[in-house]
Amino acid sequence: MRLHHVQVACPRGGEHAARRFYADGLGMSEVAKPAELAGRGGCWFRLDAAEIHVGVEEPFRPARKAHPALVVEDLAAVAERLGALGFEVDWTERHTFPGFERCHTRDAHGNRVELLSSG
């Protein structure tokens, strides 16, 4: 078994803001949705084996606890890039996961995202 993707939600029309976080902030590439699904809105992103699908949900409520956890090469650089784009990065749990350094942030719609780097 392997994980194919994680889906998070956004409100209708939230694709541009999602691109700002996942593409500009995390450095993921947007991938085309299949034609059968494109009419639903949302957008998909991929970097290496990690894939995030941002889907439109109405009514929309951000995921405050549930979250994707993404392992990144240079945690400090990614966190700095997110901060420069205006996304808050929380380091309070930096050394609380054995074998990893981590931080938490929220995407453009308030969904929690964890970023890790092997320490």
C-alpha atoms as a PDB file:
ATOM      1  CA  MET A   1       0.000   0.000   0.000  1.00  0.00           C
ATOM      2  CA  ARG A   2       1.090   3.560  -0.624  1.00  0.00           C
ATOM      3  CA  LEU A   3      -0.534   6.913  -0.170  1.00  0.00           C
ATOM      4  CA  HIS A   4      -1.645   8.509  -3.439  1.00  0.00           C
ATOM      5  CA  HIS A   5      -2.684  11.974  -2.225  1.00  0.00           C
ATOM      6  CA  VAL A   6      -4.093  14.005   0.634  1.00  0.00           C
ATOM      7  CA  GLN A   7      -7.072  16.257   0.019  1.00  0.00           C
ATOM      8  CA  VAL A   8      -7.671  19.544   1.790  1.00  0.00           C
ATOM      9  CA  ALA A   9     -10.572  21.901   1.201  1.00  0.00           C
ATOM     10  CA  CYS A  10     -11.018  25.455   0.041  1.00  0.00           C
ATOM     11  CA  PRO A  11     -14.038  27.659  -0.548  1.00  0.00           C
ATOM     12  CA  ARG A  12     -15.348  28.176  -4.091  1.00  0.00           C
ATOM     13  CA  GLY A  13     -12.982  30.538  -5.913  1.00  0.00           C
ATOM     14  CA  GLY A  14     -10.091  29.757  -3.555  1.00  0.00           C
ATOM     15  CA  GLU A  15      -7.761  28.271  -6.164  1.00  0.00           C
ATOM     16  CA  HIS A  16      -5.572  31.373  -6.590  1.00  0.00           C
ATOM     17  CA  ALA A  17      -4.893  31.544  -2.848  1.00  0.00           C
ATOM     18  CA  ALA A  18      -4.169  27.798  -2.789  1.00  0.00           C
ATOM     19  CA  ARG A  19      -1.615  28.270  -5.585  1.00  0.00           C
ATOM     20  CA  ARG A  20       0.094  30.990  -3.555  1.00  0.00           C
ATOM     21  CA  PHE A  21       0.624  28.584  -0.647  1.00  0.00           C
ATOM     22  CA  TYR A  22       1.255  25.222  -2.312  1.00  0.00           C
ATOM     23  CA  ALA A  23       3.107  26.376  -5.452  1.00  0.00           C
ATOM     24  CA  ASP A  24       4.764  29.650  -4.411  1.00  0.00           C
ATOM     25  CA  GLY A  25       5.253  28.758  -0.743  1.00  0.00           C
ATOM     26  CA  LEU A  26       5.971  25.033  -0.761  1.00  0.00           C
ATOM     27  CA  GLY A  27       7.432  24.868  -4.261  1.00  0.00           C
ATOM     28  CA  MET A  28       4.992  22.221  -5.503  1.00  0.00           C
ATOM     29  CA  SER A  29       4.001  22.082  -9.176  1.00  0.00           C
ATOM     30  CA  GLU A  30       0.380  22.337 -10.166  1.00  0.00           C
ATOM     31  CA  VAL A  31      -0.812  19.310 -12.135  1.00  0.00           C
ATOM     32  CA  ALA A  32      -3.823  19.251 -14.427  1.00  0.00           C
ATOM     33  CA  LYS A  33      -6.951  17.647 -13.046  1.00  0.00           C
ATOM     34  CA  PRO A  34      -8.588  15.012 -15.251  1.00  0.00           C
ATOM     35  CA  ALA A  35     -11.218  16.543 -17.554  1.00  0.00           C
ATOM     36  CA  GLU A  36     -13.954  14.599 -15.734  1.00  0.00           C
ATOM     37  CA  LEU A  37     -13.073  16.358 -12.461  1.00  0.00           C
ATOM     38  CA  ALA A  38     -11.979  19.811 -13.631  1.00  0.00           C
ATOM     39  CA  GLY A  39     -15.522  21.236 -13.534  1.00  0.00           C
ATOM     40  CA  ARG A  40     -15.675  20.742  -9.775  1.00  0.00           C
ATOM     41  CA  GLY A  41     -13.095  23.464  -9.169  1.00  0.00           C
ATOM     42  CA  GLY A  42     -10.067  23.114  -6.966  1.00  0.00           C
ATOM     43  CA  CYS A  43      -6.490  22.379  -8.002  1.00  0.00           C
ATOM     44  CA  TRP A  44      -3.870  19.654  -7.570  1.00  0.00           C
ATOM     45  CA  PHE A  45      -0.193  19.935  -6.646  1.00  0.00           C
ATOM     46  CA  ARG A  46       2.752  17.531  -6.697  1.00  0.00           C
ATOM     47  CA  LEU A  47       6.396  17.474  -5.635  1.00  0.00           C
ATOM     48  CA  ASP A  48       8.227  14.161  -5.886  1.00  0.00           C
ATOM     49  CA  ALA A  49       5.899  11.550  -4.333  1.00  0.00           C
ATOM     50  CA  ALA A  50       3.815  14.070  -2.366  1.00  0.00           C
ATOM     51  CA  GLU A  51       0.497  15.063  -3.896  1.00  0.00           C
ATOM     52  CA  ILE A  52      -2.044  17.477  -2.412  1.00  0.00           C
ATOM     53  CA  HIS A  53      -5.510  17.897  -3.898  1.00  0.00           C
ATOM     54  CA  VAL A  54      -7.319  21.097  -2.972  1.00  0.00           C
ATOM     55  CA  GLY A  55     -11.040  20.556  -3.445  1.00  0.00           C
ATOM     56  CA  VAL A  56     -13.946  22.953  -3.218  1.00  0.00           C
ATOM     57  CA  GLU A  57     -16.179  22.313  -0.225  1.00  0.00           C
ATOM     58  CA  GLU A  58     -19.413  24.125   0.580  1.00  0.00           C
ATOM     59  CA  PRO A  59     -19.959  25.072   3.244  1.00  0.00           C
ATOM     60  CA  PHE A  60     -16.242  25.447   3.803  1.00  0.00           C
ATOM     61  CA  ARG A  61     -14.530  24.959   7.173  1.00  0.00           C
ATOM     62  CA  PRO A  62     -10.740  24.702   7.468  1.00  0.00           C
ATOM     63  CA  ALA A  63      -9.171  21.606   9.001  1.00  0.00           C
ATOM     64  CA  ARG A  64      -7.731  22.847  12.301  1.00  0.00           C
ATOM     65  CA  LYS A  65      -6.366  19.527  13.638  1.00  0.00           C
ATOM     66  CA  ALA A  66      -6.298  17.037  10.737  1.00  0.00           C
ATOM     67  CA  HIS A  67      -3.414  17.837   8.405  1.00  0.00           C
ATOM     68  CA  PRO A  68      -0.942  16.625   5.823  1.00  0.00           C
ATOM     69  CA  ALA A  69       2.641  16.282   7.079  1.00  0.00           C
ATOM     70  CA  LEU A  70       5.228  16.908   4.386  1.00  0.00           C
ATOM     71  CA  VAL A  71       8.911  16.037   4.639  1.00  0.00           C
ATOM     72  CA  VAL A  72      11.006  18.792   3.040  1.00  0.00           C
ATOM     73  CA  GLU A  73      14.725  19.025   2.251  1.00  0.00           C
ATOM     74  CA  ASP A  74      15.409  22.455   3.775  1.00  0.00           C
ATOM     75  CA  LEU A  75      12.870  23.198   6.483  1.00  0.00           C
ATOM     76  CA  ALA A  76      14.296  26.615   7.358  1.00  0.00           C
ATOM     77  CA  ALA A  77      14.233  27.759   3.721  1.00  0.00           C
ATOM     78  CA  VAL A  78      10.642  26.611   3.188  1.00  0.00           C
ATOM     79  CA  ALA A  79       9.537  28.250   6.443  1.00  0.00           C
ATOM     80  CA  GLU A  80      11.314  31.466   5.465  1.00  0.00           C
ATOM     81  CA  ARG A  81       9.659  31.473   2.030  1.00  0.00           C
ATOM     82  CA  LEU A  82       6.227  30.949   3.610  1.00  0.00           C
ATOM     83  CA  GLY A  83       6.872  33.748   6.088  1.00  0.00           C
ATOM     84  CA  ALA A  84       7.903  36.104   3.278  1.00  0.00           C
ATOM     85  CA  LEU A  85       4.566  35.353   1.596  1.00  0.00           C
ATOM     86  CA  GLY A  86       2.725  36.277   4.795  1.00  0.00           C
ATOM     87  CA  PHE A  87       2.000  32.789   6.141  1.00  0.00           C
ATOM     88  CA  GLU A  88       2.576  32.340   9.868  1.00  0.00           C
ATOM     89  CA  VAL A  89       4.995  29.562  10.824  1.00  0.00           C
ATOM     90  CA  ASP A  90       4.742  28.051  14.319  1.00  0.00           C
ATOM     91  CA  TRP A  91       7.956  26.520  15.695  1.00  0.00           C
ATOM     92  CA  THR A  92       6.623  25.680  19.187  1.00  0.00           C
ATOM     93  CA  GLU A  93       6.778  21.921  18.498  1.00  0.00           C
ATOM     94  CA  ARG A  94      10.123  22.081  16.679  1.00  0.00           C
ATOM     95  CA  HIS A  95      11.834  19.316  18.675  1.00  0.00           C
ATOM     96  CA  THR A  96       8.847  17.241  19.858  1.00  0.00           C
ATOM     97  CA  PHE A  97       8.890  14.514  17.162  1.00  0.00           C
ATOM     98  CA  PRO A  98      11.896  12.172  17.626  1.00  0.00           C
ATOM     99  CA  GLY A  99      14.167  12.077  14.583  1.00  0.00           C
ATOM    100  CA  PHE A 100      12.640  15.182  13.004  1.00  0.00           C
ATOM    101  CA  GLU A 101      12.630  18.930  13.265  1.00  0.00           C
ATOM    102  CA  ARG A 102       9.221  20.385  12.439  1.00  0.00           C
ATOM    103  CA  CYS A 103       6.958  23.381  12.251  1.00  0.00           C
ATOM    104  CA  HIS A 104       3.295  23.977  11.586  1.00  0.00           C
ATOM    105  CA  THR A 105       1.612  26.498   9.349  1.00  0.00           C
ATOM    106  CA  ARG A 106      -1.803  27.071   7.820  1.00  0.00           C
ATOM    107  CA  ASP A 107      -2.510  27.275   4.139  1.00  0.00           C
ATOM    108  CA  ALA A 108      -4.280  30.258   2.601  1.00  0.00           C
ATOM    109  CA  HIS A 109      -7.639  28.920   3.797  1.00  0.00           C
ATOM    110  CA  GLY A 110      -6.620  28.052   7.352  1.00  0.00           C
ATOM    111  CA  ASN A 111      -5.978  24.316   6.884  1.00  0.00           C
ATOM    112  CA  ARG A 112      -3.201  23.058   9.156  1.00  0.00           C
ATOM    113  CA  VAL A 113      -0.035  21.803   7.432  1.00  0.00           C
ATOM    114  CA  GLU A 114       2.961  20.206   9.159  1.00  0.00           C
ATOM    115  CA  LEU A 115       6.443  20.460   7.665  1.00  0.00           C
ATOM    116  CA  LEU A 116       9.223  18.104   8.774  1.00  0.00           C
ATOM    117  CA  SER A 117      12.903  17.575   8.110  1.00  0.00           C
ATOM    118  CA  SER A 118      14.953  14.649   9.339  1.00  0.00           C
ATOM    119  CA  GLY A 119      17.155  15.840  12.137  1.00  0.00           C
END
